[in-house]
Amino acid sequence: MAQTDEIQHFLTAKFGEEKGNNLYSMQQGRLRRLLQKAQKNHSPAQMKTLEKTILPRVALYQILQETPEKADAYRIVKEYMVDVVCEKSKKQYSEMEQMPFFYDIFRKVFTFVTLKSDNWSAELFCREKDKFTIHIHRCLWYSACKDNGCPELCRLLCDCDEINYGGLHKMKFAREGSIGKGQNFCDFTFLRQTKKEKV
């Protein structure tokens, strides 16, 4: 299910068909304006990430702040992120974790994508047999939230990293801080879990 469909389903389930669809229509209109604005300063690859992942959530947060739900806007978006987005991601990671050599495959893919994509400015800080750490110094998620007047929303997106990776059994995720929570950089540390450590 596409994220826009997930948002519509979430809103109608929470607020009922009429109000939910009205909020969804407002969210879609806001999303179109945000995407049009973003085209001036972002690469095609960044625009794809903004369209599919980041700006739908920013648009939802913004329109909720302009309705009687304003006081609960952050809580509602958090509910959507935790109960819908993170639940889906956790299930996907749980299935991926069943693959042989999961840690090695994950390390290779995560490192390649993070270092090569212009969604981030990142460096491989540490690479050992059973541990690797990546530092991110510039993040599209944070800049998009900040540029659209809601830097506080990025804290919630950072929390999703901890939720998504925190439930893994073959690998442990550790973090000291993130840009969205006031640090100078985000750190992602992943450690292979041995059978002894899992017991």
N, C-alpha and C. Protein backbone atom coordinates (compact mmCIF):
# COMPACT_ATOMS: atom_id res chain seq x y z
N MET A 1 0.85 -1.19 0.00
CA MET A 1 0.00 0.00 0.00
C MET A 1 0.89 1.25 0.00
N ALA A 2 0.62 2.18 -0.92
CA ALA A 2 1.40 3.42 -0.99
C ALA A 2 1.15 4.25 0.26
N GLN A 3 2.12 5.13 0.58
CA GLN A 3 1.99 5.91 1.80
C GLN A 3 0.76 6.81 1.78
N THR A 4 0.42 7.36 0.59
CA THR A 4 -0.76 8.21 0.53
C THR A 4 -2.02 7.42 0.85
N ASP A 5 -2.10 6.17 0.37
CA ASP A 5 -3.24 5.31 0.69
C ASP A 5 -3.25 4.98 2.18
N GLU A 6 -2.07 4.75 2.74
CA GLU A 6 -1.98 4.45 4.18
C GLU A 6 -2.47 5.63 5.01
N ILE A 7 -2.12 6.84 4.58
CA ILE A 7 -2.56 8.03 5.30
C ILE A 7 -4.07 8.17 5.23
N GLN A 8 -4.65 7.95 4.06
CA GLN A 8 -6.10 8.03 3.92
C GLN A 8 -6.79 6.99 4.80
N HIS A 9 -6.29 5.78 4.78
CA HIS A 9 -6.88 4.72 5.59
C HIS A 9 -6.77 5.06 7.08
N PHE A 10 -5.63 5.58 7.49
CA PHE A 10 -5.43 5.96 8.89
C PHE A 10 -6.41 7.05 9.30
N LEU A 11 -6.55 8.08 8.47
CA LEU A 11 -7.42 9.21 8.81
C LEU A 11 -8.88 8.81 8.87
N THR A 12 -9.33 8.00 7.91
CA THR A 12 -10.74 7.59 7.93
C THR A 12 -11.03 6.64 9.09
N ALA A 13 -10.06 5.82 9.44
CA ALA A 13 -10.25 4.92 10.58
C ALA A 13 -10.30 5.71 11.89
N LYS A 14 -9.54 6.77 11.96
CA LYS A 14 -9.45 7.55 13.21
C LYS A 14 -10.58 8.56 13.34
N PHE A 15 -10.94 9.21 12.23
CA PHE A 15 -11.90 10.32 12.30
C PHE A 15 -13.24 10.03 11.64
N GLY A 16 -13.39 8.86 11.02
CA GLY A 16 -14.61 8.57 10.28
C GLY A 16 -14.45 8.96 8.82
N GLU A 17 -15.34 8.43 7.98
CA GLU A 17 -15.21 8.62 6.53
C GLU A 17 -15.21 10.08 6.11
N GLU A 18 -16.20 10.84 6.56
CA GLU A 18 -16.35 12.22 6.08
C GLU A 18 -15.18 13.10 6.51
N LYS A 19 -14.93 13.14 7.80
CA LYS A 19 -13.85 13.99 8.30
C LYS A 19 -12.49 13.48 7.85
N GLY A 20 -12.31 12.16 7.86
CA GLY A 20 -11.04 11.59 7.44
C GLY A 20 -10.72 11.90 5.99
N ASN A 21 -11.71 11.77 5.12
CA ASN A 21 -11.48 12.07 3.70
C ASN A 21 -11.26 13.55 3.46
N ASN A 22 -11.92 14.39 4.26
CA ASN A 22 -11.70 15.83 4.14
C ASN A 22 -10.27 16.19 4.54
N LEU A 23 -9.80 15.61 5.64
CA LEU A 23 -8.41 15.85 6.06
C LEU A 23 -7.43 15.31 5.03
N TYR A 24 -7.75 14.17 4.45
CA TYR A 24 -6.87 13.58 3.43
C TYR A 24 -6.80 14.48 2.20
N SER A 25 -7.94 15.04 1.79
CA SER A 25 -7.95 15.95 0.65
C SER A 25 -7.09 17.18 0.93
N MET A 26 -7.18 17.70 2.15
CA MET A 26 -6.34 18.83 2.53
C MET A 26 -4.86 18.44 2.52
N GLN A 27 -4.56 17.26 3.01
CA GLN A 27 -3.17 16.78 3.05
C GLN A 27 -2.61 16.63 1.64
N GLN A 28 -3.41 16.12 0.72
CA GLN A 28 -2.95 15.94 -0.66
C GLN A 28 -2.71 17.28 -1.35
N GLY A 29 -3.58 18.24 -1.09
CA GLY A 29 -3.38 19.58 -1.65
C GLY A 29 -2.12 20.23 -1.12
N ARG A 30 -1.88 20.08 0.18
CA ARG A 30 -0.67 20.64 0.77
C ARG A 30 0.57 19.93 0.23
N LEU A 31 0.48 18.63 0.06
CA LEU A 31 1.61 17.86 -0.46
C LEU A 31 2.00 18.34 -1.86
N ARG A 32 1.02 18.60 -2.70
CA ARG A 32 1.32 19.09 -4.06
C ARG A 32 2.07 20.41 -4.01
N ARG A 33 1.66 21.31 -3.12
CA ARG A 33 2.34 22.60 -3.00
C ARG A 33 3.76 22.44 -2.46
N LEU A 34 3.93 21.56 -1.49
CA LEU A 34 5.26 21.33 -0.94
C LEU A 34 6.20 20.74 -1.98
N LEU A 35 5.69 19.83 -2.79
CA LEU A 35 6.52 19.22 -3.83
C LEU A 35 6.90 20.23 -4.90
N GLN A 36 5.96 21.09 -5.27
CA GLN A 36 6.25 22.12 -6.26
C GLN A 36 7.35 23.06 -5.76
N LYS A 37 7.26 23.42 -4.50
CA LYS A 37 8.26 24.29 -3.89
C LYS A 37 9.63 23.61 -3.83
N ALA A 38 9.64 22.32 -3.52
CA ALA A 38 10.89 21.58 -3.33
C ALA A 38 11.66 21.36 -4.63
N GLN A 39 10.97 21.37 -5.76
CA GLN A 39 11.61 21.08 -7.05
C GLN A 39 12.75 22.03 -7.38
N LYS A 40 12.71 23.23 -6.83
CA LYS A 40 13.70 24.24 -7.17
C LYS A 40 15.09 23.91 -6.63
N ASN A 41 15.15 23.20 -5.52
CA ASN A 41 16.43 23.05 -4.82
C ASN A 41 16.87 21.61 -4.58
N HIS A 42 16.23 20.64 -5.24
CA HIS A 42 16.55 19.25 -4.96
C HIS A 42 16.76 18.45 -6.23
N SER A 43 17.61 17.44 -6.12
CA SER A 43 17.90 16.56 -7.25
C SER A 43 16.72 15.63 -7.50
N PRO A 44 16.67 14.98 -8.68
CA PRO A 44 15.60 14.01 -8.94
C PRO A 44 15.53 12.90 -7.89
N ALA A 45 16.69 12.42 -7.45
CA ALA A 45 16.70 11.36 -6.44
C ALA A 45 16.13 11.87 -5.12
N GLN A 46 16.50 13.09 -4.75
CA GLN A 46 15.97 13.67 -3.51
C GLN A 46 14.46 13.90 -3.62
N MET A 47 14.01 14.33 -4.80
CA MET A 47 12.58 14.56 -5.00
C MET A 47 11.79 13.26 -4.83
N LYS A 48 12.37 12.17 -5.28
CA LYS A 48 11.69 10.87 -5.12
C LYS A 48 11.51 10.54 -3.65
N THR A 49 12.56 10.77 -2.86
CA THR A 49 12.48 10.51 -1.42
C THR A 49 11.49 11.46 -0.75
N LEU A 50 11.53 12.72 -1.14
CA LEU A 50 10.60 13.69 -0.57
C LEU A 50 9.15 13.32 -0.87
N GLU A 51 8.90 12.90 -2.11
CA GLU A 51 7.53 12.57 -2.53
C GLU A 51 7.02 11.29 -1.87
N LYS A 52 7.87 10.28 -1.79
CA LYS A 52 7.43 8.97 -1.31
C LYS A 52 7.46 8.85 0.21
N THR A 53 8.36 9.59 0.86
CA THR A 53 8.61 9.33 2.27
C THR A 53 8.40 10.53 3.19
N ILE A 54 9.02 11.65 2.88
CA ILE A 54 9.11 12.74 3.86
C ILE A 54 7.94 13.72 3.81
N LEU A 55 7.69 14.28 2.64
CA LEU A 55 6.72 15.37 2.56
C LEU A 55 5.27 14.95 2.81
N PRO A 56 4.86 13.71 2.52
CA PRO A 56 3.49 13.33 2.92
C PRO A 56 3.26 13.48 4.42
N ARG A 57 4.28 13.19 5.22
CA ARG A 57 4.16 13.31 6.67
C ARG A 57 4.20 14.77 7.11
N VAL A 58 5.05 15.56 6.44
CA VAL A 58 5.09 17.00 6.73
C VAL A 58 3.74 17.63 6.40
N ALA A 59 3.18 17.26 5.25
CA ALA A 59 1.88 17.81 4.84
C ALA A 59 0.79 17.44 5.84
N LEU A 60 0.80 16.20 6.30
CA LEU A 60 -0.19 15.76 7.28
C LEU A 60 -0.06 16.57 8.57
N TYR A 61 1.14 16.75 9.03
CA TYR A 61 1.39 17.51 10.26
C TYR A 61 0.93 18.95 10.11
N GLN A 62 1.24 19.56 8.97
CA GLN A 62 0.88 20.95 8.76
C GLN A 62 -0.62 21.16 8.74
N ILE A 63 -1.34 20.31 8.02
CA ILE A 63 -2.80 20.54 7.92
C ILE A 63 -3.49 20.25 9.26
N LEU A 64 -2.97 19.31 10.02
CA LEU A 64 -3.55 19.04 11.34
C LEU A 64 -3.37 20.24 12.26
N GLN A 65 -2.28 20.98 12.07
CA GLN A 65 -2.04 22.18 12.89
C GLN A 65 -2.97 23.32 12.53
N GLU A 66 -3.67 23.20 11.41
CA GLU A 66 -4.58 24.25 10.95
C GLU A 66 -6.04 23.88 11.19
N THR A 67 -6.27 22.83 11.96
CA THR A 67 -7.62 22.35 12.25
C THR A 67 -7.84 22.35 13.77
N PRO A 68 -9.05 22.02 14.21
CA PRO A 68 -9.27 21.90 15.66
C PRO A 68 -8.39 20.85 16.34
N GLU A 69 -7.73 20.00 15.53
CA GLU A 69 -6.84 18.98 16.09
C GLU A 69 -5.43 19.52 16.37
N LYS A 70 -5.26 20.85 16.26
CA LYS A 70 -3.93 21.45 16.34
C LYS A 70 -3.14 20.99 17.57
N ALA A 71 -3.77 20.97 18.72
CA ALA A 71 -3.06 20.62 19.95
C ALA A 71 -2.57 19.18 19.94
N ASP A 72 -3.23 18.34 19.15
CA ASP A 72 -2.88 16.92 19.09
C ASP A 72 -2.15 16.53 17.81
N ALA A 73 -1.73 17.52 17.02
CA ALA A 73 -1.14 17.23 15.70
C ALA A 73 0.07 16.32 15.81
N TYR A 74 0.97 16.63 16.72
CA TYR A 74 2.19 15.82 16.86
C TYR A 74 1.83 14.41 17.31
N ARG A 75 0.93 14.31 18.27
CA ARG A 75 0.54 12.99 18.78
C ARG A 75 -0.13 12.15 17.70
N ILE A 76 -0.94 12.79 16.85
CA ILE A 76 -1.63 12.05 15.79
C ILE A 76 -0.64 11.54 14.75
N VAL A 77 0.30 12.40 14.35
CA VAL A 77 1.31 11.95 13.38
C VAL A 77 2.18 10.86 14.00
N LYS A 78 2.49 10.99 15.28
CA LYS A 78 3.26 9.94 15.96
C LYS A 78 2.49 8.62 15.95
N GLU A 79 1.20 8.69 16.18
CA GLU A 79 0.37 7.48 16.15
C GLU A 79 0.43 6.84 14.77
N TYR A 80 0.33 7.67 13.73
CA TYR A 80 0.43 7.15 12.36
C TYR A 80 1.79 6.51 12.11
N MET A 81 2.84 7.20 12.52
CA MET A 81 4.19 6.70 12.27
C MET A 81 4.45 5.39 13.01
N VAL A 82 4.09 5.34 14.28
CA VAL A 82 4.39 4.16 15.09
C VAL A 82 3.49 2.98 14.73
N ASP A 83 2.19 3.25 14.63
CA ASP A 83 1.23 2.16 14.44
C ASP A 83 1.11 1.68 12.99
N VAL A 84 1.45 2.54 12.04
CA VAL A 84 1.30 2.17 10.63
C VAL A 84 2.67 1.98 9.97
N VAL A 85 3.45 3.06 9.91
CA VAL A 85 4.72 3.02 9.18
C VAL A 85 5.72 2.08 9.85
N CYS A 86 5.93 2.26 11.14
CA CYS A 86 6.93 1.43 11.83
C CYS A 86 6.50 -0.03 11.91
N GLU A 87 5.23 -0.28 12.09
CA GLU A 87 4.76 -1.66 12.14
C GLU A 87 5.06 -2.38 10.82
N LYS A 88 4.84 -1.68 9.72
CA LYS A 88 5.13 -2.25 8.41
C LYS A 88 6.63 -2.49 8.24
N SER A 89 7.44 -1.51 8.63
CA SER A 89 8.89 -1.65 8.50
C SER A 89 9.44 -2.76 9.38
N LYS A 90 8.95 -2.85 10.61
CA LYS A 90 9.41 -3.89 11.53
C LYS A 90 9.11 -5.27 10.98
N LYS A 91 7.96 -5.43 10.37
CA LYS A 91 7.59 -6.71 9.78
C LYS A 91 8.53 -7.06 8.63
N GLN A 92 8.85 -6.06 7.80
CA GLN A 92 9.75 -6.29 6.67
C GLN A 92 11.15 -6.67 7.16
N TYR A 93 11.64 -5.97 8.17
CA TYR A 93 12.97 -6.29 8.71
C TYR A 93 12.98 -7.67 9.37
N SER A 94 11.89 -8.01 10.02
CA SER A 94 11.80 -9.32 10.65
C SER A 94 11.88 -10.44 9.62
N GLU A 95 11.24 -10.22 8.47
CA GLU A 95 11.29 -11.21 7.39
C GLU A 95 12.68 -11.27 6.77
N MET A 96 13.29 -10.10 6.58
CA MET A 96 14.64 -10.05 6.01
C MET A 96 15.65 -10.72 6.92
N GLU A 97 15.42 -10.62 8.23
CA GLU A 97 16.36 -11.16 9.20
C GLU A 97 16.47 -12.68 9.12
N GLN A 98 15.49 -13.31 8.49
CA GLN A 98 15.52 -14.77 8.37
C GLN A 98 16.50 -15.24 7.29
N MET A 99 16.97 -14.31 6.47
CA MET A 99 17.90 -14.67 5.41
C MET A 99 19.25 -15.07 5.99
N PRO A 100 19.93 -16.03 5.37
CA PRO A 100 21.31 -16.34 5.78
C PRO A 100 22.20 -15.12 5.55
N PHE A 101 23.17 -14.93 6.42
CA PHE A 101 24.14 -13.83 6.30
C PHE A 101 23.46 -12.46 6.32
N PHE A 102 22.39 -12.36 7.10
CA PHE A 102 21.62 -11.11 7.15
C PHE A 102 22.50 -9.92 7.51
N TYR A 103 23.31 -10.05 8.55
CA TYR A 103 24.13 -8.91 8.99
C TYR A 103 25.06 -8.44 7.88
N ASP A 104 25.72 -9.37 7.21
CA ASP A 104 26.67 -9.00 6.16
C ASP A 104 25.97 -8.32 4.98
N ILE A 105 24.80 -8.84 4.62
CA ILE A 105 24.03 -8.24 3.53
C ILE A 105 23.55 -6.85 3.93
N PHE A 106 23.02 -6.73 5.14
CA PHE A 106 22.52 -5.45 5.62
C PHE A 106 23.63 -4.41 5.65
N ARG A 107 24.79 -4.79 6.18
CA ARG A 107 25.92 -3.85 6.27
C ARG A 107 26.32 -3.35 4.88
N LYS A 108 26.40 -4.25 3.93
CA LYS A 108 26.80 -3.88 2.58
C LYS A 108 25.80 -2.92 1.95
N VAL A 109 24.52 -3.25 2.05
CA VAL A 109 23.48 -2.43 1.42
C VAL A 109 23.34 -1.09 2.14
N PHE A 110 23.27 -1.11 3.47
CA PHE A 110 23.08 0.12 4.23
C PHE A 110 24.25 1.08 4.00
N THR A 111 25.46 0.55 4.02
CA THR A 111 26.64 1.39 3.81
C THR A 111 26.66 1.97 2.41
N PHE A 112 26.38 1.15 1.42
CA PHE A 112 26.40 1.63 0.03
C PHE A 112 25.37 2.73 -0.18
N VAL A 113 24.14 2.48 0.24
CA VAL A 113 23.06 3.45 0.02
C VAL A 113 23.33 4.75 0.76
N THR A 114 23.73 4.66 2.01
CA THR A 114 23.93 5.86 2.82
C THR A 114 25.09 6.71 2.32
N LEU A 115 26.17 6.07 1.91
CA LEU A 115 27.35 6.82 1.47
C LEU A 115 27.20 7.37 0.06
N LYS A 116 26.41 6.71 -0.79
CA LYS A 116 26.30 7.11 -2.19
C LYS A 116 25.14 8.07 -2.45
N SER A 117 24.08 7.98 -1.66
CA SER A 117 22.89 8.79 -1.92
C SER A 117 23.11 10.25 -1.51
N ASP A 118 22.53 11.17 -2.27
CA ASP A 118 22.63 12.58 -1.89
C ASP A 118 21.52 12.98 -0.91
N ASN A 119 20.81 11.99 -0.37
CA ASN A 119 19.88 12.26 0.73
C ASN A 119 20.63 12.60 2.01
N TRP A 120 21.90 12.22 2.05
CA TRP A 120 22.73 12.45 3.24
C TRP A 120 24.13 12.89 2.82
N SER A 121 24.83 13.51 3.77
CA SER A 121 26.28 13.65 3.70
C SER A 121 26.81 12.80 4.83
N ALA A 122 27.45 11.67 4.48
CA ALA A 122 27.77 10.66 5.50
C ALA A 122 29.19 10.17 5.36
N GLU A 123 29.70 9.60 6.44
CA GLU A 123 31.02 8.99 6.44
C GLU A 123 30.97 7.66 7.19
N LEU A 124 31.76 6.71 6.72
CA LEU A 124 31.90 5.44 7.42
C LEU A 124 32.92 5.65 8.54
N PHE A 125 32.45 5.75 9.76
CA PHE A 125 33.29 6.08 10.90
C PHE A 125 34.04 4.87 11.43
N CYS A 126 33.41 3.71 11.39
CA CYS A 126 34.02 2.50 11.94
C CYS A 126 33.51 1.29 11.16
N ARG A 127 34.45 0.41 10.79
CA ARG A 127 34.05 -0.83 10.13
C ARG A 127 34.91 -1.97 10.65
N GLU A 128 34.30 -2.83 11.43
CA GLU A 128 34.96 -4.01 11.97
C GLU A 128 34.16 -5.24 11.54
N LYS A 129 34.65 -6.40 11.88
CA LYS A 129 33.98 -7.63 11.47
C LYS A 129 32.54 -7.69 11.97
N ASP A 130 32.33 -7.32 13.23
CA ASP A 130 31.02 -7.46 13.85
C ASP A 130 30.41 -6.13 14.26
N LYS A 131 30.92 -5.04 13.67
CA LYS A 131 30.40 -3.73 14.04
C LYS A 131 30.71 -2.73 12.94
N PHE A 132 29.74 -1.84 12.67
CA PHE A 132 30.05 -0.70 11.81
C PHE A 132 29.24 0.51 12.26
N THR A 133 29.83 1.68 12.05
CA THR A 133 29.20 2.94 12.46
C THR A 133 29.26 3.93 11.32
N ILE A 134 28.15 4.56 11.05
CA ILE A 134 28.08 5.62 10.05
C ILE A 134 27.64 6.91 10.73
N HIS A 135 28.34 8.00 10.42
CA HIS A 135 27.97 9.32 10.91
C HIS A 135 27.35 10.11 9.76
N ILE A 136 26.22 10.71 10.02
CA ILE A 136 25.53 11.53 9.02
C ILE A 136 25.60 12.98 9.46
N HIS A 137 26.14 13.82 8.60
CA HIS A 137 26.35 15.23 8.93
C HIS A 137 25.30 16.15 8.29
N ARG A 138 24.66 15.67 7.26
CA ARG A 138 23.56 16.42 6.64
C ARG A 138 22.48 15.42 6.27
N CYS A 139 21.23 15.76 6.57
CA CYS A 139 20.14 14.80 6.42
C CYS A 139 18.96 15.47 5.72
N LEU A 140 18.47 14.85 4.65
CA LEU A 140 17.34 15.39 3.90
C LEU A 140 16.08 15.43 4.76
N TRP A 141 15.92 14.46 5.66
CA TRP A 141 14.75 14.42 6.52
C TRP A 141 14.70 15.67 7.41
N TYR A 142 15.84 16.00 8.01
CA TYR A 142 15.88 17.17 8.89
C TYR A 142 15.72 18.46 8.11
N SER A 143 16.45 18.59 7.00
CA SER A 143 16.38 19.84 6.23
C SER A 143 14.97 20.07 5.69
N ALA A 144 14.28 19.00 5.28
CA ALA A 144 12.92 19.15 4.76
C ALA A 144 11.96 19.60 5.86
N CYS A 145 12.11 19.02 7.04
CA CYS A 145 11.26 19.44 8.16
C CYS A 145 11.55 20.89 8.55
N LYS A 146 12.82 21.23 8.64
CA LYS A 146 13.21 22.59 9.03
C LYS A 146 12.76 23.61 7.99
N ASP A 147 12.99 23.30 6.71
CA ASP A 147 12.63 24.23 5.64
C ASP A 147 11.13 24.48 5.57
N ASN A 148 10.35 23.53 6.07
CA ASN A 148 8.90 23.68 6.04
C ASN A 148 8.30 24.04 7.40
N GLY A 149 9.17 24.55 8.28
CA GLY A 149 8.69 25.13 9.52
C GLY A 149 8.31 24.16 10.62
N CYS A 150 8.78 22.92 10.52
CA CYS A 150 8.43 21.95 11.57
C CYS A 150 9.63 21.07 11.92
N PRO A 151 10.74 21.67 12.38
CA PRO A 151 11.93 20.87 12.72
C PRO A 151 11.65 19.85 13.82
N GLU A 152 10.65 20.15 14.66
CA GLU A 152 10.31 19.22 15.75
C GLU A 152 9.81 17.88 15.23
N LEU A 153 9.27 17.87 14.01
CA LEU A 153 8.75 16.62 13.45
C LEU A 153 9.88 15.63 13.18
N CYS A 154 11.08 16.13 12.95
CA CYS A 154 12.20 15.24 12.65
C CYS A 154 12.55 14.37 13.86
N ARG A 155 12.27 14.84 15.06
CA ARG A 155 12.51 14.02 16.25
C ARG A 155 11.73 12.71 16.16
N LEU A 156 10.50 12.83 15.67
CA LEU A 156 9.66 11.65 15.52
C LEU A 156 10.21 10.71 14.46
N LEU A 157 10.73 11.27 13.37
CA LEU A 157 11.31 10.44 12.31
C LEU A 157 12.56 9.73 12.82
N CYS A 158 13.33 10.42 13.68
CA CYS A 158 14.51 9.79 14.29
C CYS A 158 14.09 8.64 15.21
N ASP A 159 13.01 8.84 15.94
CA ASP A 159 12.51 7.78 16.83
C ASP A 159 12.20 6.51 16.04
N CYS A 160 11.76 6.68 14.81
CA CYS A 160 11.41 5.51 13.99
C CYS A 160 12.62 4.63 13.71
N ASP A 161 13.81 5.23 13.61
CA ASP A 161 15.02 4.41 13.44
C ASP A 161 15.16 3.45 14.61
N GLU A 162 14.98 3.98 15.81
CA GLU A 162 15.16 3.16 17.00
C GLU A 162 14.08 2.08 17.11
N ILE A 163 12.87 2.40 16.67
CA ILE A 163 11.79 1.41 16.69
C ILE A 163 12.04 0.33 15.64
N ASN A 164 12.40 0.75 14.43
CA ASN A 164 12.57 -0.20 13.33
C ASN A 164 13.74 -1.15 13.56
N TYR A 165 14.85 -0.61 14.02
CA TYR A 165 16.05 -1.43 14.20
C TYR A 165 16.14 -2.07 15.59
N GLY A 166 15.39 -1.51 16.53
CA GLY A 166 15.50 -1.98 17.90
C GLY A 166 14.94 -3.37 18.14
N GLY A 167 14.09 -3.84 17.25
CA GLY A 167 13.48 -5.15 17.45
C GLY A 167 14.21 -6.30 16.79
N LEU A 168 15.35 -6.03 16.18
CA LEU A 168 16.09 -7.09 15.50
C LEU A 168 16.80 -7.99 16.50
N HIS A 169 16.99 -9.24 16.11
CA HIS A 169 17.61 -10.23 17.00
C HIS A 169 19.04 -10.59 16.59
N LYS A 170 19.31 -10.53 15.30
CA LYS A 170 20.65 -10.89 14.82
C LYS A 170 21.60 -9.69 14.81
N MET A 171 21.05 -8.52 15.13
CA MET A 171 21.84 -7.31 15.05
C MET A 171 21.32 -6.31 16.09
N LYS A 172 22.23 -5.60 16.73
CA LYS A 172 21.86 -4.60 17.73
C LYS A 172 22.12 -3.21 17.17
N PHE A 173 21.18 -2.30 17.40
CA PHE A 173 21.31 -0.92 16.95
C PHE A 173 21.61 -0.03 18.15
N ALA A 174 22.60 0.85 18.00
CA ALA A 174 22.95 1.79 19.07
C ALA A 174 23.11 3.19 18.49
N ARG A 175 22.76 4.18 19.29
CA ARG A 175 22.87 5.56 18.82
C ARG A 175 23.09 6.48 20.01
N GLU A 176 23.96 7.47 19.81
CA GLU A 176 24.20 8.47 20.85
C GLU A 176 23.34 9.70 20.64
N GLY A 177 22.97 9.99 19.39
CA GLY A 177 22.14 11.16 19.14
C GLY A 177 21.84 11.32 17.67
N SER A 178 21.07 12.36 17.35
CA SER A 178 20.71 12.62 15.96
C SER A 178 20.55 14.12 15.74
N ILE A 179 20.65 14.53 14.49
CA ILE A 179 20.50 15.95 14.15
C ILE A 179 19.11 16.43 14.55
N GLY A 180 18.11 15.59 14.31
CA GLY A 180 16.74 15.96 14.63
C GLY A 180 16.49 16.16 16.11
N LYS A 181 17.39 15.63 16.95
CA LYS A 181 17.25 15.78 18.40
C LYS A 181 18.31 16.71 18.99
N GLY A 182 18.92 17.53 18.11
CA GLY A 182 19.81 18.57 18.60
C GLY A 182 21.30 18.28 18.55
N GLN A 183 21.69 17.08 18.10
CA GLN A 183 23.10 16.77 17.99
C GLN A 183 23.68 17.34 16.69
N ASN A 184 25.00 17.38 16.59
CA ASN A 184 25.65 17.89 15.38
C ASN A 184 25.60 16.89 14.23
N PHE A 185 25.41 15.62 14.56
CA PHE A 185 25.32 14.59 13.53
C PHE A 185 24.50 13.41 14.05
N CYS A 186 24.07 12.57 13.13
CA CYS A 186 23.38 11.32 13.50
C CYS A 186 24.40 10.19 13.46
N ASP A 187 24.35 9.32 14.43
CA ASP A 187 25.22 8.15 14.38
C ASP A 187 24.37 6.88 14.33
N PHE A 188 24.75 6.00 13.44
CA PHE A 188 24.12 4.69 13.29
C PHE A 188 25.18 3.64 13.56
N THR A 189 25.04 2.91 14.64
CA THR A 189 25.96 1.82 14.95
C THR A 189 25.19 0.51 14.97
N PHE A 190 25.68 -0.46 14.22
CA PHE A 190 25.07 -1.78 14.16
C PHE A 190 26.10 -2.82 14.58
N LEU A 191 25.70 -3.70 15.48
CA LEU A 191 26.59 -4.74 15.98
C LEU A 191 25.97 -6.11 15.72
N ARG A 192 26.78 -7.00 15.19
CA ARG A 192 26.32 -8.37 14.98
C ARG A 192 26.07 -9.02 16.34
N GLN A 193 24.95 -9.67 16.49
CA GLN A 193 24.62 -10.39 17.72
C GLN A 193 25.02 -11.85 17.57
N THR A 194 25.87 -12.31 18.46
CA THR A 194 26.26 -13.71 18.43
C THR A 194 25.21 -14.53 19.17
N LYS A 195 25.24 -15.85 18.98
CA LYS A 195 24.27 -16.72 19.65
C LYS A 195 24.38 -16.59 21.16
N LYS A 196 25.60 -16.42 21.65
CA LYS A 196 25.82 -16.29 23.09
C LYS A 196 25.16 -15.03 23.62
N GLU A 197 25.25 -13.93 22.86
CA GLU A 197 24.69 -12.66 23.29
C GLU A 197 23.17 -12.68 23.28
N LYS A 198 22.59 -13.51 22.40
CA LYS A 198 21.13 -13.55 22.28
C LYS A 198 20.48 -14.28 23.44
N VAL A 199 21.23 -15.15 24.09
CA VAL A 199 20.66 -15.96 25.17
C VAL A 199 20.31 -15.08 26.37
